[in-house]
Amino acid sequence: MATATKVQSCATTACTFNDGGCTALAITISGQNAAECGTFTTLDARSQNPAEAQVGACHLLECKHNEGLMCTNASINVAAGAECADYEVA
């Protein structure tokens, strides 16, 4: 059974899901030119979810931490531009 990767930190303060840390239940890492948080959104509200976010899926097959579309890191950090800071090409 796979274990989900924890979102350790998120520096994207403009995201609706960042309220002192990522409050989405799960995020998706995707992107055409970079490892981006596909869950990033800006709305006139803040998520009040008390959950600790996890990586639900990773669409970047070339990342060395991707196994079967799941992140194998214990945790990741999301940078200010909504990029996965732990992304590494295999």
PDB file of N, CA and C in Angstrom:
ATOM      1  N   MET A   1       0.843  -1.174   0.000  1.00  0.00           N
ATOM      2  CA  MET A   1       0.000   0.000   0.000  1.00  0.00           C
ATOM      3  C   MET A   1       0.891   1.240   0.000  1.00  0.00           C
ATOM      4  N   ALA A   2       0.624   2.149  -0.911  1.00  0.00           N
ATOM      5  CA  ALA A   2       1.414   3.378  -1.020  1.00  0.00           C
ATOM      6  C   ALA A   2       1.050   4.348   0.101  1.00  0.00           C
ATOM      7  N   THR A   3       2.038   5.096   0.553  1.00  0.00           N
ATOM      8  CA  THR A   3       1.778   6.150   1.523  1.00  0.00           C
ATOM      9  C   THR A   3       1.882   7.484   0.812  1.00  0.00           C
ATOM     10  N   ALA A   4       1.055   8.416   1.183  1.00  0.00           N
ATOM     11  CA  ALA A   4       1.032   9.727   0.535  1.00  0.00           C
ATOM     12  C   ALA A   4       2.176  10.598   1.034  1.00  0.00           C
ATOM     13  N   THR A   5       2.691  11.411   0.140  1.00  0.00           N
ATOM     14  CA  THR A   5       3.781  12.336   0.439  1.00  0.00           C
ATOM     15  C   THR A   5       3.213  13.602   1.062  1.00  0.00           C
ATOM     16  N   LYS A   6       3.743  13.992   2.194  1.00  0.00           N
ATOM     17  CA  LYS A   6       3.285  15.194   2.899  1.00  0.00           C
ATOM     18  C   LYS A   6       3.808  16.450   2.206  1.00  0.00           C
ATOM     19  N   VAL A   7       2.969  17.481   2.134  1.00  0.00           N
ATOM     20  CA  VAL A   7       3.420  18.799   1.693  1.00  0.00           C
ATOM     21  C   VAL A   7       3.996  19.473   2.934  1.00  0.00           C
ATOM     22  N   GLN A   8       5.319  19.487   3.027  1.00  0.00           N
ATOM     23  CA  GLN A   8       6.014  20.004   4.204  1.00  0.00           C
ATOM     24  C   GLN A   8       5.821  21.507   4.374  1.00  0.00           C
ATOM     25  N   SER A   9       5.936  22.230   3.266  1.00  0.00           N
ATOM     26  CA  SER A   9       5.770  23.687   3.326  1.00  0.00           C
ATOM     27  C   SER A   9       5.296  24.206   1.984  1.00  0.00           C
ATOM     28  N   CYS A  10       4.652  25.360   2.023  1.00  0.00           N
ATOM     29  CA  CYS A  10       4.205  26.031   0.805  1.00  0.00           C
ATOM     30  C   CYS A  10       4.439  27.521   0.974  1.00  0.00           C
ATOM     31  N   ALA A  11       5.243  28.083   0.080  1.00  0.00           N
ATOM     32  CA  ALA A  11       5.567  29.510   0.130  1.00  0.00           C
ATOM     33  C   ALA A  11       4.705  30.334  -0.819  1.00  0.00           C
ATOM     34  N   THR A  12       3.703  29.710  -1.433  1.00  0.00           N
ATOM     35  CA  THR A  12       2.832  30.399  -2.383  1.00  0.00           C
ATOM     36  C   THR A  12       1.692  31.063  -1.623  1.00  0.00           C
ATOM     37  N   THR A  13       1.944  32.216  -1.052  1.00  0.00           N
ATOM     38  CA  THR A  13       0.963  32.867  -0.185  1.00  0.00           C
ATOM     39  C   THR A  13      -0.262  33.388  -0.925  1.00  0.00           C
ATOM     40  N   ALA A  14      -0.200  33.522  -2.245  1.00  0.00           N
ATOM     41  CA  ALA A  14      -1.359  33.980  -3.021  1.00  0.00           C
ATOM     42  C   ALA A  14      -2.374  32.866  -3.234  1.00  0.00           C
ATOM     43  N   CYS A  15      -2.027  31.633  -2.932  1.00  0.00           N
ATOM     44  CA  CYS A  15      -2.927  30.507  -3.168  1.00  0.00           C
ATOM     45  C   CYS A  15      -4.031  30.452  -2.113  1.00  0.00           C
ATOM     46  N   THR A  16      -5.239  30.190  -2.559  1.00  0.00           N
ATOM     47  CA  THR A  16      -6.390  30.057  -1.673  1.00  0.00           C
ATOM     48  C   THR A  16      -6.179  28.973  -0.622  1.00  0.00           C
ATOM     49  N   PHE A  17      -5.435  27.935  -0.968  1.00  0.00           N
ATOM     50  CA  PHE A  17      -5.210  26.823  -0.052  1.00  0.00           C
ATOM     51  C   PHE A  17      -4.049  27.039   0.907  1.00  0.00           C
ATOM     52  N   ASN A  18      -3.396  28.194   0.848  1.00  0.00           N
ATOM     53  CA  ASN A  18      -2.303  28.455   1.787  1.00  0.00           C
ATOM     54  C   ASN A  18      -2.813  29.374   2.887  1.00  0.00           C
ATOM     55  N   ASP A  19      -2.954  28.821   4.076  1.00  0.00           N
ATOM     56  CA  ASP A  19      -3.380  29.581   5.251  1.00  0.00           C
ATOM     57  C   ASP A  19      -2.447  29.191   6.396  1.00  0.00           C
ATOM     58  N   GLY A  20      -1.199  29.674   6.285  1.00  0.00           N
ATOM     59  CA  GLY A  20      -0.172  29.275   7.236  1.00  0.00           C
ATOM     60  C   GLY A  20       0.382  27.890   6.928  1.00  0.00           C
ATOM     61  N   GLY A  21       0.197  27.431   5.734  1.00  0.00           N
ATOM     62  CA  GLY A  21       0.578  26.102   5.266  1.00  0.00           C
ATOM     63  C   GLY A  21      -0.494  25.620   4.318  1.00  0.00           C
ATOM     64  N   CYS A  22      -0.218  24.583   3.567  1.00  0.00           N
ATOM     65  CA  CYS A  22      -1.179  24.090   2.585  1.00  0.00           C
ATOM     66  C   CYS A  22      -2.332  23.387   3.281  1.00  0.00           C
ATOM     67  N   THR A  23      -3.559  23.823   2.997  1.00  0.00           N
ATOM     68  CA  THR A  23      -4.745  23.257   3.626  1.00  0.00           C
ATOM     69  C   THR A  23      -5.584  22.412   2.675  1.00  0.00           C
ATOM     70  N   ALA A  24      -5.101  22.177   1.447  1.00  0.00           N
ATOM     71  CA  ALA A  24      -5.811  21.267   0.541  1.00  0.00           C
ATOM     72  C   ALA A  24      -5.662  19.844   1.085  1.00  0.00           C
ATOM     73  N   LEU A  25      -6.649  19.011   0.881  1.00  0.00           N
ATOM     74  CA  LEU A  25      -6.515  17.617   1.306  1.00  0.00           C
ATOM     75  C   LEU A  25      -5.412  16.921   0.538  1.00  0.00           C
ATOM     76  N   ALA A  26      -5.336  17.230  -0.767  1.00  0.00           N
ATOM     77  CA  ALA A  26      -4.301  16.657  -1.626  1.00  0.00           C
ATOM     78  C   ALA A  26      -4.039  17.618  -2.773  1.00  0.00           C
ATOM     79  N   ILE A  27      -2.805  17.643  -3.254  1.00  0.00           N
ATOM     80  CA  ILE A  27      -2.456  18.465  -4.404  1.00  0.00           C
ATOM     81  C   ILE A  27      -1.977  17.562  -5.533  1.00  0.00           C
ATOM     82  N   THR A  28      -2.029  18.103  -6.752  1.00  0.00           N
ATOM     83  CA  THR A  28      -1.514  17.412  -7.920  1.00  0.00           C
ATOM     84  C   THR A  28      -0.321  18.191  -8.436  1.00  0.00           C
ATOM     85  N   ILE A  29       0.770  17.493  -8.690  1.00  0.00           N
ATOM     86  CA  ILE A  29       1.940  18.120  -9.305  1.00  0.00           C
ATOM     87  C   ILE A  29       1.850  17.840 -10.797  1.00  0.00           C
ATOM     88  N   SER A  30       1.870  18.908 -11.584  1.00  0.00           N
ATOM     89  CA  SER A  30       1.744  18.795 -13.033  1.00  0.00           C
ATOM     90  C   SER A  30       2.559  19.897 -13.679  1.00  0.00           C
ATOM     91  N   GLY A  31       2.348  20.142 -14.935  1.00  0.00           N
ATOM     92  CA  GLY A  31       3.030  21.235 -15.607  1.00  0.00           C
ATOM     93  C   GLY A  31       3.652  20.818 -16.914  1.00  0.00           C
ATOM     94  N   GLN A  32       3.688  21.740 -17.840  1.00  0.00           N
ATOM     95  CA  GLN A  32       4.278  21.493 -19.145  1.00  0.00           C
ATOM     96  C   GLN A  32       5.783  21.775 -19.144  1.00  0.00           C
ATOM     97  N   ASN A  33       6.201  22.849 -18.513  1.00  0.00           N
ATOM     98  CA  ASN A  33       7.603  23.255 -18.547  1.00  0.00           C
ATOM     99  C   ASN A  33       8.293  23.211 -17.199  1.00  0.00           C
ATOM    100  N   ALA A  34       7.550  22.951 -16.148  1.00  0.00           N
ATOM    101  CA  ALA A  34       8.116  22.916 -14.802  1.00  0.00           C
ATOM    102  C   ALA A  34       7.225  22.049 -13.927  1.00  0.00           C
ATOM    103  N   ALA A  35       7.712  21.694 -12.769  1.00  0.00           N
ATOM    104  CA  ALA A  35       6.929  20.930 -11.796  1.00  0.00           C
ATOM    105  C   ALA A  35       6.074  21.904 -11.011  1.00  0.00           C
ATOM    106  N   GLU A  36       4.831  22.079 -11.427  1.00  0.00           N
ATOM    107  CA  GLU A  36       3.955  23.081 -10.821  1.00  0.00           C
ATOM    108  C   GLU A  36       2.863  22.421  -9.981  1.00  0.00           C
ATOM    109  N   CYS A  37       2.424  23.134  -8.969  1.00  0.00           N
ATOM    110  CA  CYS A  37       1.284  22.681  -8.185  1.00  0.00           C
ATOM    111  C   CYS A  37       0.032  22.934  -9.011  1.00  0.00           C
ATOM    112  N   GLY A  38      -0.588  21.875  -9.499  1.00  0.00           N
ATOM    113  CA  GLY A  38      -1.791  21.997 -10.318  1.00  0.00           C
ATOM    114  C   GLY A  38      -3.018  22.361  -9.513  1.00  0.00           C
ATOM    115  N   THR A  39      -2.919  22.359  -8.203  1.00  0.00           N
ATOM    116  CA  THR A  39      -4.037  22.699  -7.323  1.00  0.00           C
ATOM    117  C   THR A  39      -4.061  24.193  -7.000  1.00  0.00           C
ATOM    118  N   PHE A  40      -2.985  24.906  -7.347  1.00  0.00           N
ATOM    119  CA  PHE A  40      -2.882  26.346  -7.083  1.00  0.00           C
ATOM    120  C   PHE A  40      -4.082  27.089  -7.658  1.00  0.00           C
ATOM    121  N   THR A  41      -4.695  27.946  -6.859  1.00  0.00           N
ATOM    122  CA  THR A  41      -5.797  28.785  -7.324  1.00  0.00           C
ATOM    123  C   THR A  41      -5.853  30.056  -6.480  1.00  0.00           C
ATOM    124  N   THR A  42      -6.301  31.134  -7.091  1.00  0.00           N
ATOM    125  CA  THR A  42      -6.498  32.379  -6.358  1.00  0.00           C
ATOM    126  C   THR A  42      -7.983  32.730  -6.409  1.00  0.00           C
ATOM    127  N   LEU A  43      -8.588  32.805  -5.271  1.00  0.00           N
ATOM    128  CA  LEU A  43      -9.991  33.181  -5.119  1.00  0.00           C
ATOM    129  C   LEU A  43     -10.083  34.214  -4.009  1.00  0.00           C
ATOM    130  N   ASP A  44     -11.217  34.836  -3.881  1.00  0.00           N
ATOM    131  CA  ASP A  44     -11.417  35.814  -2.814  1.00  0.00           C
ATOM    132  C   ASP A  44     -11.844  35.120  -1.515  1.00  0.00           C
ATOM    133  N   ALA A  45     -11.193  34.022  -1.211  1.00  0.00           N
ATOM    134  CA  ALA A  45     -11.499  33.265   0.001  1.00  0.00           C
ATOM    135  C   ALA A  45     -10.257  32.472   0.380  1.00  0.00           C
ATOM    136  N   ARG A  46     -10.228  32.001   1.596  1.00  0.00           N
ATOM    137  CA  ARG A  46      -9.154  31.129   2.074  1.00  0.00           C
ATOM    138  C   ARG A  46      -9.780  29.830   2.552  1.00  0.00           C
ATOM    139  N   SER A  47      -9.132  28.732   2.204  1.00  0.00           N
ATOM    140  CA  SER A  47      -9.580  27.434   2.697  1.00  0.00           C
ATOM    141  C   SER A  47      -9.345  27.395   4.202  1.00  0.00           C
ATOM    142  N   GLN A  48     -10.311  26.951   4.932  1.00  0.00           N
ATOM    143  CA  GLN A  48     -10.197  26.834   6.386  1.00  0.00           C
ATOM    144  C   GLN A  48     -10.030  25.375   6.797  1.00  0.00           C
ATOM    145  N   ASN A  49      -9.702  24.522   5.839  1.00  0.00           N
ATOM    146  CA  ASN A  49      -9.552  23.099   6.082  1.00  0.00           C
ATOM    147  C   ASN A  49      -8.388  22.851   7.046  1.00  0.00           C
ATOM    148  N   PRO A  50      -8.615  22.112   8.115  1.00  0.00           N
ATOM    149  CA  PRO A  50      -7.520  21.859   9.066  1.00  0.00           C
ATOM    150  C   PRO A  50      -6.576  20.738   8.634  1.00  0.00           C
ATOM    151  N   ALA A  51      -6.809  20.150   7.470  1.00  0.00           N
ATOM    152  CA  ALA A  51      -6.005  19.007   7.020  1.00  0.00           C
ATOM    153  C   ALA A  51      -4.577  19.396   6.695  1.00  0.00           C
ATOM    154  N   GLU A  52      -3.697  18.440   6.819  1.00  0.00           N
ATOM    155  CA  GLU A  52      -2.319  18.598   6.366  1.00  0.00           C
ATOM    156  C   GLU A  52      -2.256  18.020   4.962  1.00  0.00           C
ATOM    157  N   ALA A  53      -1.876  18.825   3.994  1.00  0.00           N
ATOM    158  CA  ALA A  53      -1.919  18.428   2.586  1.00  0.00           C
ATOM    159  C   ALA A  53      -0.932  17.318   2.273  1.00  0.00           C
ATOM    160  N   GLN A  54      -1.296  16.556   1.261  1.00  0.00           N
ATOM    161  CA  GLN A  54      -0.456  15.489   0.740  1.00  0.00           C
ATOM    162  C   GLN A  54      -0.449  15.588  -0.776  1.00  0.00           C
ATOM    163  N   VAL A  55       0.496  14.919  -1.404  1.00  0.00           N
ATOM    164  CA  VAL A  55       0.530  14.854  -2.859  1.00  0.00           C
ATOM    165  C   VAL A  55      -0.379  13.703  -3.271  1.00  0.00           C
ATOM    166  N   GLY A  56      -1.454  14.038  -3.974  1.00  0.00           N
ATOM    167  CA  GLY A  56      -2.385  13.011  -4.430  1.00  0.00           C
ATOM    168  C   GLY A  56      -1.894  12.324  -5.685  1.00  0.00           C
ATOM    169  N   ALA A  57      -1.269  13.087  -6.585  1.00  0.00           N
ATOM    170  CA  ALA A  57      -0.768  12.530  -7.841  1.00  0.00           C
ATOM    171  C   ALA A  57       0.353  13.408  -8.368  1.00  0.00           C
ATOM    172  N   CYS A  58       1.240  12.787  -9.131  1.00  0.00           N
ATOM    173  CA  CYS A  58       2.306  13.520  -9.804  1.00  0.00           C
ATOM    174  C   CYS A  58       2.293  13.115 -11.266  1.00  0.00           C
ATOM    175  N   HIS A  59       2.107  14.089 -12.144  1.00  0.00           N
ATOM    176  CA  HIS A  59       2.027  13.838 -13.587  1.00  0.00           C
ATOM    177  C   HIS A  59       3.383  13.893 -14.271  1.00  0.00           C
ATOM    178  N   LEU A  60       4.451  14.130 -13.544  1.00  0.00           N
ATOM    179  CA  LEU A  60       5.775  14.304 -14.144  1.00  0.00           C
ATOM    180  C   LEU A  60       6.544  12.979 -14.126  1.00  0.00           C
ATOM    181  N   LEU A  61       6.361  12.207 -15.168  1.00  0.00           N
ATOM    182  CA  LEU A  61       6.955  10.873 -15.243  1.00  0.00           C
ATOM    183  C   LEU A  61       8.471  10.884 -15.195  1.00  0.00           C
ATOM    184  N   GLU A  62       9.093  12.002 -15.622  1.00  0.00           N
ATOM    185  CA  GLU A  62      10.555  12.075 -15.644  1.00  0.00           C
ATOM    186  C   GLU A  62      11.162  12.384 -14.284  1.00  0.00           C
ATOM    187  N   CYS A  63      10.343  12.703 -13.289  1.00  0.00           N
ATOM    188  CA  CYS A  63      10.873  12.999 -11.960  1.00  0.00           C
ATOM    189  C   CYS A  63      11.357  11.707 -11.303  1.00  0.00           C
ATOM    190  N   LYS A  64      12.529  11.760 -10.710  1.00  0.00           N
ATOM    191  CA  LYS A  64      13.096  10.551 -10.099  1.00  0.00           C
ATOM    192  C   LYS A  64      12.315  10.081  -8.876  1.00  0.00           C
ATOM    193  N   HIS A  65      11.437  10.929  -8.355  1.00  0.00           N
ATOM    194  CA  HIS A  65      10.625  10.569  -7.192  1.00  0.00           C
ATOM    195  C   HIS A  65       9.244  10.039  -7.590  1.00  0.00           C
ATOM    196  N   ASN A  66       8.979   9.921  -8.896  1.00  0.00           N
ATOM    197  CA  ASN A  66       7.677   9.481  -9.385  1.00  0.00           C
ATOM    198  C   ASN A  66       7.714   7.982  -9.647  1.00  0.00           C
ATOM    199  N   GLU A  67       6.825   7.269  -8.987  1.00  0.00           N
ATOM    200  CA  GLU A  67       6.683   5.836  -9.223  1.00  0.00           C
ATOM    201  C   GLU A  67       5.196   5.529  -9.369  1.00  0.00           C
ATOM    202  N   GLY A  68       4.788   5.198 -10.564  1.00  0.00           N
ATOM    203  CA  GLY A  68       3.379   4.895 -10.805  1.00  0.00           C
ATOM    204  C   GLY A  68       2.470   6.078 -10.574  1.00  0.00           C
ATOM    205  N   LEU A  69       2.929   7.275 -10.916  1.00  0.00           N
ATOM    206  CA  LEU A  69       2.210   8.543 -10.764  1.00  0.00           C
ATOM    207  C   LEU A  69       2.063   8.991  -9.304  1.00  0.00           C
ATOM    208  N   MET A  70       2.815   8.361  -8.420  1.00  0.00           N
ATOM    209  CA  MET A  70       2.823   8.732  -7.010  1.00  0.00           C
ATOM    210  C   MET A  70       4.208   9.239  -6.636  1.00  0.00           C
ATOM    211  N   CYS A  71       4.259  10.235  -5.762  1.00  0.00           N
ATOM    212  CA  CYS A  71       5.526  10.768  -5.279  1.00  0.00           C
ATOM    213  C   CYS A  71       6.058   9.837  -4.194  1.00  0.00           C
ATOM    214  N   THR A  72       7.346   9.497  -4.292  1.00  0.00           N
ATOM    215  CA  THR A  72       7.948   8.588  -3.311  1.00  0.00           C
ATOM    216  C   THR A  72       8.750   9.310  -2.230  1.00  0.00           C
ATOM    217  N   ASN A  73       8.843  10.648  -2.298  1.00  0.00           N
ATOM    218  CA  ASN A  73       9.510  11.402  -1.230  1.00  0.00           C
ATOM    219  C   ASN A  73       8.683  11.309   0.048  1.00  0.00           C
ATOM    220  N   ALA A  74       9.334  11.450   1.187  1.00  0.00           N
ATOM    221  CA  ALA A  74       8.604  11.500   2.459  1.00  0.00           C
ATOM    222  C   ALA A  74       7.797  12.793   2.550  1.00  0.00           C
ATOM    223  N   SER A  75       8.365  13.874   1.973  1.00  0.00           N
ATOM    224  CA  SER A  75       7.674  15.163   1.966  1.00  0.00           C
ATOM    225  C   SER A  75       8.228  16.002   0.825  1.00  0.00           C
ATOM    226  N   ILE A  76       7.467  17.049   0.447  1.00  0.00           N
ATOM    227  CA  ILE A  76       7.916  18.002  -0.565  1.00  0.00           C
ATOM    228  C   ILE A  76       7.701  19.417  -0.046  1.00  0.00           C
ATOM    229  N   ASN A  77       8.348  20.359  -0.698  1.00  0.00           N
ATOM    230  CA  ASN A  77       8.171  21.780  -0.421  1.00  0.00           C
ATOM    231  C   ASN A  77       7.711  22.446  -1.703  1.00  0.00           C
ATOM    232  N   VAL A  78       6.741  23.337  -1.585  1.00  0.00           N
ATOM    233  CA  VAL A  78       6.242  24.090  -2.728  1.00  0.00           C
ATOM    234  C   VAL A  78       6.805  25.505  -2.614  1.00  0.00           C
ATOM    235  N   ALA A  79       7.504  25.940  -3.660  1.00  0.00           N
ATOM    236  CA  ALA A  79       8.164  27.248  -3.665  1.00  0.00           C
ATOM    237  C   ALA A  79       7.162  28.370  -3.933  1.00  0.00           C
ATOM    238  N   ALA A  80       7.612  29.600  -3.791  1.00  0.00           N
ATOM    239  CA  ALA A  80       6.747  30.784  -3.927  1.00  0.00           C
ATOM    240  C   ALA A  80       6.034  30.867  -5.268  1.00  0.00           C
ATOM    241  N   GLY A  81       6.640  30.360  -6.328  1.00  0.00           N
ATOM    242  CA  GLY A  81       6.008  30.388  -7.649  1.00  0.00           C
ATOM    243  C   GLY A  81       5.133  29.181  -7.911  1.00  0.00           C
ATOM    244  N   ALA A  82       4.788  28.421  -6.896  1.00  0.00           N
ATOM    245  CA  ALA A  82       3.954  27.220  -6.952  1.00  0.00           C
ATOM    246  C   ALA A  82       4.652  26.045  -7.626  1.00  0.00           C
ATOM    247  N   GLU A  83       6.001  26.023  -7.597  1.00  0.00           N
ATOM    248  CA  GLU A  83       6.744  24.903  -8.157  1.00  0.00           C
ATOM    249  C   GLU A  83       7.101  23.911  -7.056  1.00  0.00           C
ATOM    250  N   CYS A  84       7.153  22.649  -7.422  1.00  0.00           N
ATOM    251  CA  CYS A  84       7.644  21.627  -6.496  1.00  0.00           C
ATOM    252  C   CYS A  84       9.151  21.785  -6.389  1.00  0.00           C
ATOM    253  N   ALA A  85       9.618  22.183  -5.228  1.00  0.00           N
ATOM    254  CA  ALA A  85      11.047  22.458  -5.035  1.00  0.00           C
ATOM    255  C   ALA A  85      11.876  21.181  -4.969  1.00  0.00           C
ATOM    256  N   ASP A  86      11.217  20.035  -4.852  1.00  0.00           N
ATOM    257  CA  ASP A  86      11.932  18.763  -4.728  1.00  0.00           C
ATOM    258  C   ASP A  86      11.981  17.976  -6.038  1.00  0.00           C
ATOM    259  N   TYR A  87      11.459  18.547  -7.104  1.00  0.00           N
ATOM    260  CA  TYR A  87      11.460  17.924  -8.433  1.00  0.00           C
ATOM    261  C   TYR A  87      12.882  17.700  -8.933  1.00  0.00           C
ATOM    262  N   GLU A  88      13.173  16.489  -9.372  1.00  0.00           N
ATOM    263  CA  GLU A  88      14.486  16.159  -9.931  1.00  0.00           C
ATOM    264  C   GLU A  88      14.286  15.237 -11.126  1.00  0.00           C
ATOM    265  N   VAL A  89      14.898  15.576 -12.254  1.00  0.00           N
ATOM    266  CA  VAL A  89      14.820  14.727 -13.427  1.00  0.00           C
ATOM    267  C   VAL A  89      15.660  13.483 -13.193  1.00  0.00           C
ATOM    268  N   ALA A  90      15.105  12.335 -13.505  1.00  0.00           N
ATOM    269  CA  ALA A  90      15.810  11.051 -13.315  1.00  0.00           C
ATOM    270  C   ALA A  90      16.955  10.919 -14.308  1.00  0.00           C
TER     271      ALA A  90
END
